[in-house]
């Protein structure tokens, strides 16, 4: 429990430090946006890591039954998912900025 708490506190402190720097430098990104970005990134990493670290028996089943769709390239998938997430955030923020300009 102590290790989990230490990890979460370190993660939170690092996230807040970086988020505050981003918020100071990027007008359209809020602190909540930054926290959501970091939590999404963390969830993607943990989720994809769990999908790539499967027991040998599962690997063998995938191989034996030609279930290649379950084979994940961890790095490629995490980076692409994060890129799409950030692209979507950028599009959403751009729409907000344009609608604010018309008011």
N, C-alpha and C. Protein backbone atom coordinates (compact mmCIF):
# COMPACT_ATOMS: atom_id res chain seq x y z
N UNK A 1 0.83 -1.19 0.00
CA UNK A 1 0.00 0.00 0.00
C UNK A 1 0.87 1.25 0.00
N UNK A 2 1.94 1.19 0.76
CA UNK A 2 2.84 2.33 0.85
C UNK A 2 3.47 2.64 -0.51
N UNK A 3 3.84 1.61 -1.24
CA UNK A 3 4.43 1.78 -2.56
C UNK A 3 3.43 2.39 -3.53
N UNK A 4 2.19 1.90 -3.48
CA UNK A 4 1.14 2.43 -4.37
C UNK A 4 0.89 3.90 -4.08
N UNK A 5 0.82 4.25 -2.80
CA UNK A 5 0.60 5.64 -2.42
C UNK A 5 1.76 6.51 -2.89
N UNK A 6 2.97 6.02 -2.69
CA UNK A 6 4.15 6.77 -3.11
C UNK A 6 4.15 7.00 -4.62
N UNK A 7 3.81 5.96 -5.38
CA UNK A 7 3.75 6.09 -6.84
C UNK A 7 2.70 7.12 -7.25
N UNK A 8 1.51 7.02 -6.66
CA UNK A 8 0.42 7.94 -7.02
C UNK A 8 0.76 9.38 -6.64
N UNK A 9 1.37 9.58 -5.50
CA UNK A 9 1.76 10.94 -5.10
C UNK A 9 2.83 11.50 -6.02
N UNK A 10 3.82 10.68 -6.38
CA UNK A 10 4.86 11.12 -7.31
C UNK A 10 4.26 11.45 -8.67
N UNK A 11 3.36 10.58 -9.14
CA UNK A 11 2.70 10.80 -10.43
C UNK A 11 1.90 12.10 -10.39
N UNK A 12 1.14 12.29 -9.33
CA UNK A 12 0.32 13.50 -9.19
C UNK A 12 1.18 14.75 -9.14
N UNK A 13 2.23 14.73 -8.36
CA UNK A 13 3.11 15.89 -8.25
C UNK A 13 3.78 16.23 -9.59
N UNK A 14 4.26 15.21 -10.29
CA UNK A 14 4.86 15.43 -11.61
C UNK A 14 3.83 15.96 -12.58
N UNK A 15 2.64 15.37 -12.57
CA UNK A 15 1.57 15.79 -13.46
C UNK A 15 1.22 17.26 -13.22
N UNK A 16 1.10 17.65 -11.97
CA UNK A 16 0.72 19.03 -11.65
C UNK A 16 1.83 20.01 -12.03
N UNK A 17 3.07 19.63 -11.82
CA UNK A 17 4.18 20.50 -12.17
C UNK A 17 4.19 20.76 -13.69
N UNK A 18 4.10 19.69 -14.46
CA UNK A 18 4.10 19.83 -15.92
C UNK A 18 2.84 20.53 -16.41
N UNK A 19 1.69 20.19 -15.82
CA UNK A 19 0.42 20.80 -16.22
C UNK A 19 0.46 22.31 -16.00
N UNK A 20 1.00 22.75 -14.89
CA UNK A 20 1.09 24.19 -14.62
C UNK A 20 1.97 24.90 -15.64
N UNK A 21 3.05 24.26 -16.05
CA UNK A 21 3.93 24.85 -17.08
C UNK A 21 3.17 24.97 -18.40
N UNK A 22 2.46 23.92 -18.76
CA UNK A 22 1.69 23.94 -20.02
C UNK A 22 0.63 25.02 -19.98
N UNK A 23 -0.11 25.12 -18.89
CA UNK A 23 -1.18 26.12 -18.76
C UNK A 23 -0.62 27.54 -18.87
N UNK A 24 0.55 27.75 -18.32
CA UNK A 24 1.18 29.08 -18.41
C UNK A 24 1.54 29.45 -19.84
N UNK A 25 1.85 28.44 -20.67
CA UNK A 25 2.37 28.70 -22.02
C UNK A 25 1.36 28.51 -23.14
N UNK A 26 0.27 27.80 -22.88
CA UNK A 26 -0.73 27.53 -23.92
C UNK A 26 -2.07 28.06 -23.44
N UNK A 27 -2.50 29.16 -24.07
CA UNK A 27 -3.69 29.86 -23.61
C UNK A 27 -4.96 29.02 -23.58
N UNK A 28 -5.15 28.18 -24.58
CA UNK A 28 -6.44 27.48 -24.69
C UNK A 28 -6.51 26.19 -23.88
N UNK A 29 -5.43 25.80 -23.21
CA UNK A 29 -5.40 24.57 -22.42
C UNK A 29 -5.56 24.92 -20.94
N UNK A 30 -6.55 24.30 -20.32
CA UNK A 30 -6.79 24.54 -18.89
C UNK A 30 -6.07 23.48 -18.05
N UNK A 31 -6.04 23.72 -16.76
CA UNK A 31 -5.44 22.75 -15.85
C UNK A 31 -6.20 21.42 -15.92
N UNK A 32 -7.53 21.49 -16.01
CA UNK A 32 -8.32 20.26 -16.14
C UNK A 32 -8.01 19.53 -17.44
N UNK A 33 -7.81 20.28 -18.54
CA UNK A 33 -7.41 19.66 -19.80
C UNK A 33 -6.12 18.88 -19.62
N UNK A 34 -5.15 19.51 -18.98
CA UNK A 34 -3.84 18.87 -18.77
C UNK A 34 -3.98 17.61 -17.92
N UNK A 35 -4.75 17.71 -16.86
CA UNK A 35 -4.94 16.53 -16.00
C UNK A 35 -5.60 15.41 -16.81
N UNK A 36 -6.57 15.75 -17.64
CA UNK A 36 -7.23 14.74 -18.47
C UNK A 36 -6.28 14.13 -19.48
N UNK A 37 -5.39 14.95 -20.04
CA UNK A 37 -4.40 14.45 -20.98
C UNK A 37 -3.49 13.43 -20.28
N UNK A 38 -3.00 13.78 -19.11
CA UNK A 38 -2.10 12.88 -18.39
C UNK A 38 -2.80 11.59 -17.96
N UNK A 39 -4.04 11.71 -17.51
CA UNK A 39 -4.77 10.51 -17.09
C UNK A 39 -5.10 9.63 -18.29
N UNK A 40 -5.41 10.25 -19.42
CA UNK A 40 -5.67 9.48 -20.64
C UNK A 40 -4.40 8.76 -21.09
N UNK A 41 -3.29 9.48 -21.05
CA UNK A 41 -2.01 8.89 -21.42
C UNK A 41 -1.68 7.71 -20.50
N UNK A 42 -1.89 7.89 -19.21
CA UNK A 42 -1.62 6.83 -18.24
C UNK A 42 -2.52 5.62 -18.51
N UNK A 43 -3.80 5.87 -18.77
CA UNK A 43 -4.74 4.79 -19.04
C UNK A 43 -4.36 4.03 -20.32
N UNK A 44 -3.94 4.77 -21.35
CA UNK A 44 -3.51 4.12 -22.59
C UNK A 44 -2.30 3.22 -22.35
N UNK A 45 -1.34 3.74 -21.62
CA UNK A 45 -0.12 2.97 -21.35
C UNK A 45 -0.44 1.72 -20.54
N UNK A 46 -1.21 1.88 -19.47
CA UNK A 46 -1.55 0.73 -18.62
C UNK A 46 -2.39 -0.28 -19.41
N UNK A 47 -3.38 0.22 -20.15
CA UNK A 47 -4.24 -0.68 -20.90
C UNK A 47 -3.50 -1.46 -21.96
N UNK A 48 -2.72 -0.76 -22.77
CA UNK A 48 -1.96 -1.45 -23.81
C UNK A 48 -0.88 -2.35 -23.22
N UNK A 49 -0.28 -1.94 -22.13
CA UNK A 49 0.73 -2.78 -21.48
C UNK A 49 0.09 -4.08 -21.01
N UNK A 50 -1.11 -4.00 -20.43
CA UNK A 50 -1.80 -5.22 -20.00
C UNK A 50 -2.13 -6.13 -21.17
N UNK A 51 -2.42 -5.54 -22.33
CA UNK A 51 -2.74 -6.34 -23.51
C UNK A 51 -1.51 -6.98 -24.12
N UNK A 52 -0.33 -6.40 -23.90
CA UNK A 52 0.88 -6.95 -24.50
C UNK A 52 1.59 -7.92 -23.56
N UNK A 53 1.34 -7.83 -22.28
CA UNK A 53 1.98 -8.72 -21.30
C UNK A 53 1.02 -9.83 -20.92
N UNK A 54 0.79 -10.75 -21.85
CA UNK A 54 -0.14 -11.84 -21.58
C UNK A 54 0.65 -13.10 -21.25
N UNK A 55 0.03 -13.99 -20.50
CA UNK A 55 0.71 -15.25 -20.16
C UNK A 55 1.03 -16.07 -21.42
N UNK A 56 2.01 -16.94 -21.29
CA UNK A 56 2.44 -17.77 -22.42
C UNK A 56 1.29 -18.60 -22.98
N UNK A 57 0.41 -19.09 -22.11
CA UNK A 57 -0.70 -19.92 -22.59
C UNK A 57 -1.62 -19.11 -23.51
N UNK A 58 -1.82 -17.83 -23.20
CA UNK A 58 -2.65 -16.97 -24.04
C UNK A 58 -1.93 -16.71 -25.37
N UNK A 59 -0.63 -16.45 -25.31
CA UNK A 59 0.14 -16.26 -26.54
C UNK A 59 0.02 -17.47 -27.45
N UNK A 60 0.09 -18.66 -26.84
CA UNK A 60 0.01 -19.89 -27.62
C UNK A 60 -1.37 -20.06 -28.25
N UNK A 61 -2.43 -19.73 -27.52
CA UNK A 61 -3.78 -19.81 -28.07
C UNK A 61 -3.93 -18.85 -29.25
N UNK A 62 -3.42 -17.63 -29.11
CA UNK A 62 -3.49 -16.67 -30.20
C UNK A 62 -2.75 -17.18 -31.43
N UNK A 63 -1.58 -17.77 -31.19
CA UNK A 63 -0.78 -18.31 -32.28
C UNK A 63 -1.46 -19.51 -32.94
N UNK A 64 -1.93 -20.43 -32.11
CA UNK A 64 -2.55 -21.66 -32.62
C UNK A 64 -3.80 -21.40 -33.45
N UNK A 65 -4.51 -20.35 -33.13
CA UNK A 65 -5.79 -20.08 -33.80
C UNK A 65 -5.71 -18.86 -34.72
N UNK A 66 -4.49 -18.45 -35.04
CA UNK A 66 -4.28 -17.34 -35.97
C UNK A 66 -5.08 -16.09 -35.60
N UNK A 67 -5.07 -15.75 -34.33
CA UNK A 67 -5.80 -14.58 -33.83
C UNK A 67 -4.85 -13.38 -33.74
N UNK A 68 -4.33 -13.01 -34.89
CA UNK A 68 -3.33 -11.94 -34.96
C UNK A 68 -3.88 -10.58 -34.57
N UNK A 69 -5.19 -10.39 -34.65
CA UNK A 69 -5.76 -9.09 -34.26
C UNK A 69 -5.55 -8.78 -32.78
N UNK A 70 -5.27 -9.80 -31.98
CA UNK A 70 -5.03 -9.59 -30.56
C UNK A 70 -3.58 -9.31 -30.24
N UNK A 71 -2.72 -9.38 -31.25
CA UNK A 71 -1.31 -9.06 -31.04
C UNK A 71 -1.15 -7.56 -31.18
N UNK A 72 -0.60 -6.95 -30.16
CA UNK A 72 -0.52 -5.50 -30.07
C UNK A 72 0.93 -5.04 -30.13
N UNK A 73 1.17 -4.02 -30.94
CA UNK A 73 2.47 -3.33 -30.93
C UNK A 73 2.31 -2.19 -29.92
N UNK A 74 2.80 -2.41 -28.72
CA UNK A 74 2.58 -1.49 -27.60
C UNK A 74 2.91 -0.05 -27.96
N UNK A 75 4.14 0.20 -28.36
CA UNK A 75 4.59 1.57 -28.60
C UNK A 75 3.78 2.23 -29.71
N UNK A 76 3.64 1.55 -30.83
CA UNK A 76 2.91 2.11 -31.97
C UNK A 76 1.47 2.43 -31.60
N UNK A 77 0.79 1.53 -30.90
CA UNK A 77 -0.61 1.74 -30.55
C UNK A 77 -0.80 2.85 -29.53
N UNK A 78 0.07 2.92 -28.53
CA UNK A 78 -0.04 3.98 -27.53
C UNK A 78 0.19 5.35 -28.18
N UNK A 79 1.23 5.45 -28.99
CA UNK A 79 1.52 6.73 -29.62
C UNK A 79 0.41 7.16 -30.57
N UNK A 80 -0.14 6.23 -31.34
CA UNK A 80 -1.21 6.57 -32.28
C UNK A 80 -2.48 6.98 -31.51
N UNK A 81 -2.81 6.25 -30.46
CA UNK A 81 -4.00 6.58 -29.67
C UNK A 81 -3.85 7.96 -29.04
N UNK A 82 -2.66 8.27 -28.53
CA UNK A 82 -2.43 9.57 -27.91
C UNK A 82 -2.48 10.67 -28.96
N UNK A 83 -1.93 10.41 -30.13
CA UNK A 83 -1.97 11.38 -31.22
C UNK A 83 -3.42 11.70 -31.60
N UNK A 84 -4.24 10.68 -31.72
CA UNK A 84 -5.65 10.89 -32.06
C UNK A 84 -6.38 11.65 -30.96
N UNK A 85 -6.08 11.32 -29.71
CA UNK A 85 -6.69 12.02 -28.58
C UNK A 85 -6.34 13.51 -28.62
N UNK A 86 -5.06 13.80 -28.81
CA UNK A 86 -4.61 15.20 -28.84
C UNK A 86 -5.15 15.94 -30.06
N UNK A 87 -5.25 15.24 -31.20
CA UNK A 87 -5.86 15.86 -32.38
C UNK A 87 -7.30 16.24 -32.09
N UNK A 88 -8.03 15.35 -31.45
CA UNK A 88 -9.42 15.63 -31.09
C UNK A 88 -9.54 16.78 -30.12
N UNK A 89 -8.65 16.84 -29.13
CA UNK A 89 -8.65 17.95 -28.18
C UNK A 89 -8.36 19.26 -28.90
N UNK A 90 -7.40 19.24 -29.81
CA UNK A 90 -7.06 20.44 -30.57
C UNK A 90 -8.27 20.92 -31.39
N UNK A 91 -8.94 20.00 -32.06
CA UNK A 91 -10.12 20.36 -32.85
C UNK A 91 -11.20 20.95 -31.96
N UNK A 92 -11.44 20.34 -30.83
CA UNK A 92 -12.46 20.83 -29.90
C UNK A 92 -12.10 22.22 -29.38
N UNK A 93 -10.84 22.41 -29.00
CA UNK A 93 -10.41 23.73 -28.49
C UNK A 93 -10.47 24.78 -29.59
N UNK A 94 -10.14 24.39 -30.82
CA UNK A 94 -10.22 25.33 -31.95
C UNK A 94 -11.66 25.79 -32.16
N UNK A 95 -12.60 24.86 -32.06
CA UNK A 95 -14.01 25.21 -32.20
C UNK A 95 -14.43 26.18 -31.10
N UNK A 96 -13.98 25.92 -29.88
CA UNK A 96 -14.32 26.80 -28.75
C UNK A 96 -13.77 28.20 -28.99
N UNK A 97 -12.53 28.28 -29.46
CA UNK A 97 -11.91 29.58 -29.71
C UNK A 97 -12.64 30.33 -30.81
N UNK A 98 -13.03 29.62 -31.88
CA UNK A 98 -13.76 30.27 -32.96
C UNK A 98 -15.14 30.75 -32.49
N UNK A 99 -15.80 29.96 -31.66
CA UNK A 99 -17.12 30.40 -31.20
C UNK A 99 -16.98 31.57 -30.22
N UNK A 100 -15.90 31.63 -29.46
CA UNK A 100 -15.65 32.77 -28.57
C UNK A 100 -15.37 34.02 -29.38
N UNK A 101 -14.70 33.89 -30.52
CA UNK A 101 -14.38 35.03 -31.37
C UNK A 101 -15.63 35.64 -32.02
N UNK A 102 -16.66 34.83 -32.21
CA UNK A 102 -17.87 35.33 -32.86
C UNK A 102 -18.81 36.00 -31.88
N UNK A 103 -18.54 35.88 -30.60
CA UNK A 103 -19.42 36.50 -29.59
C UNK A 103 -19.13 37.97 -29.40
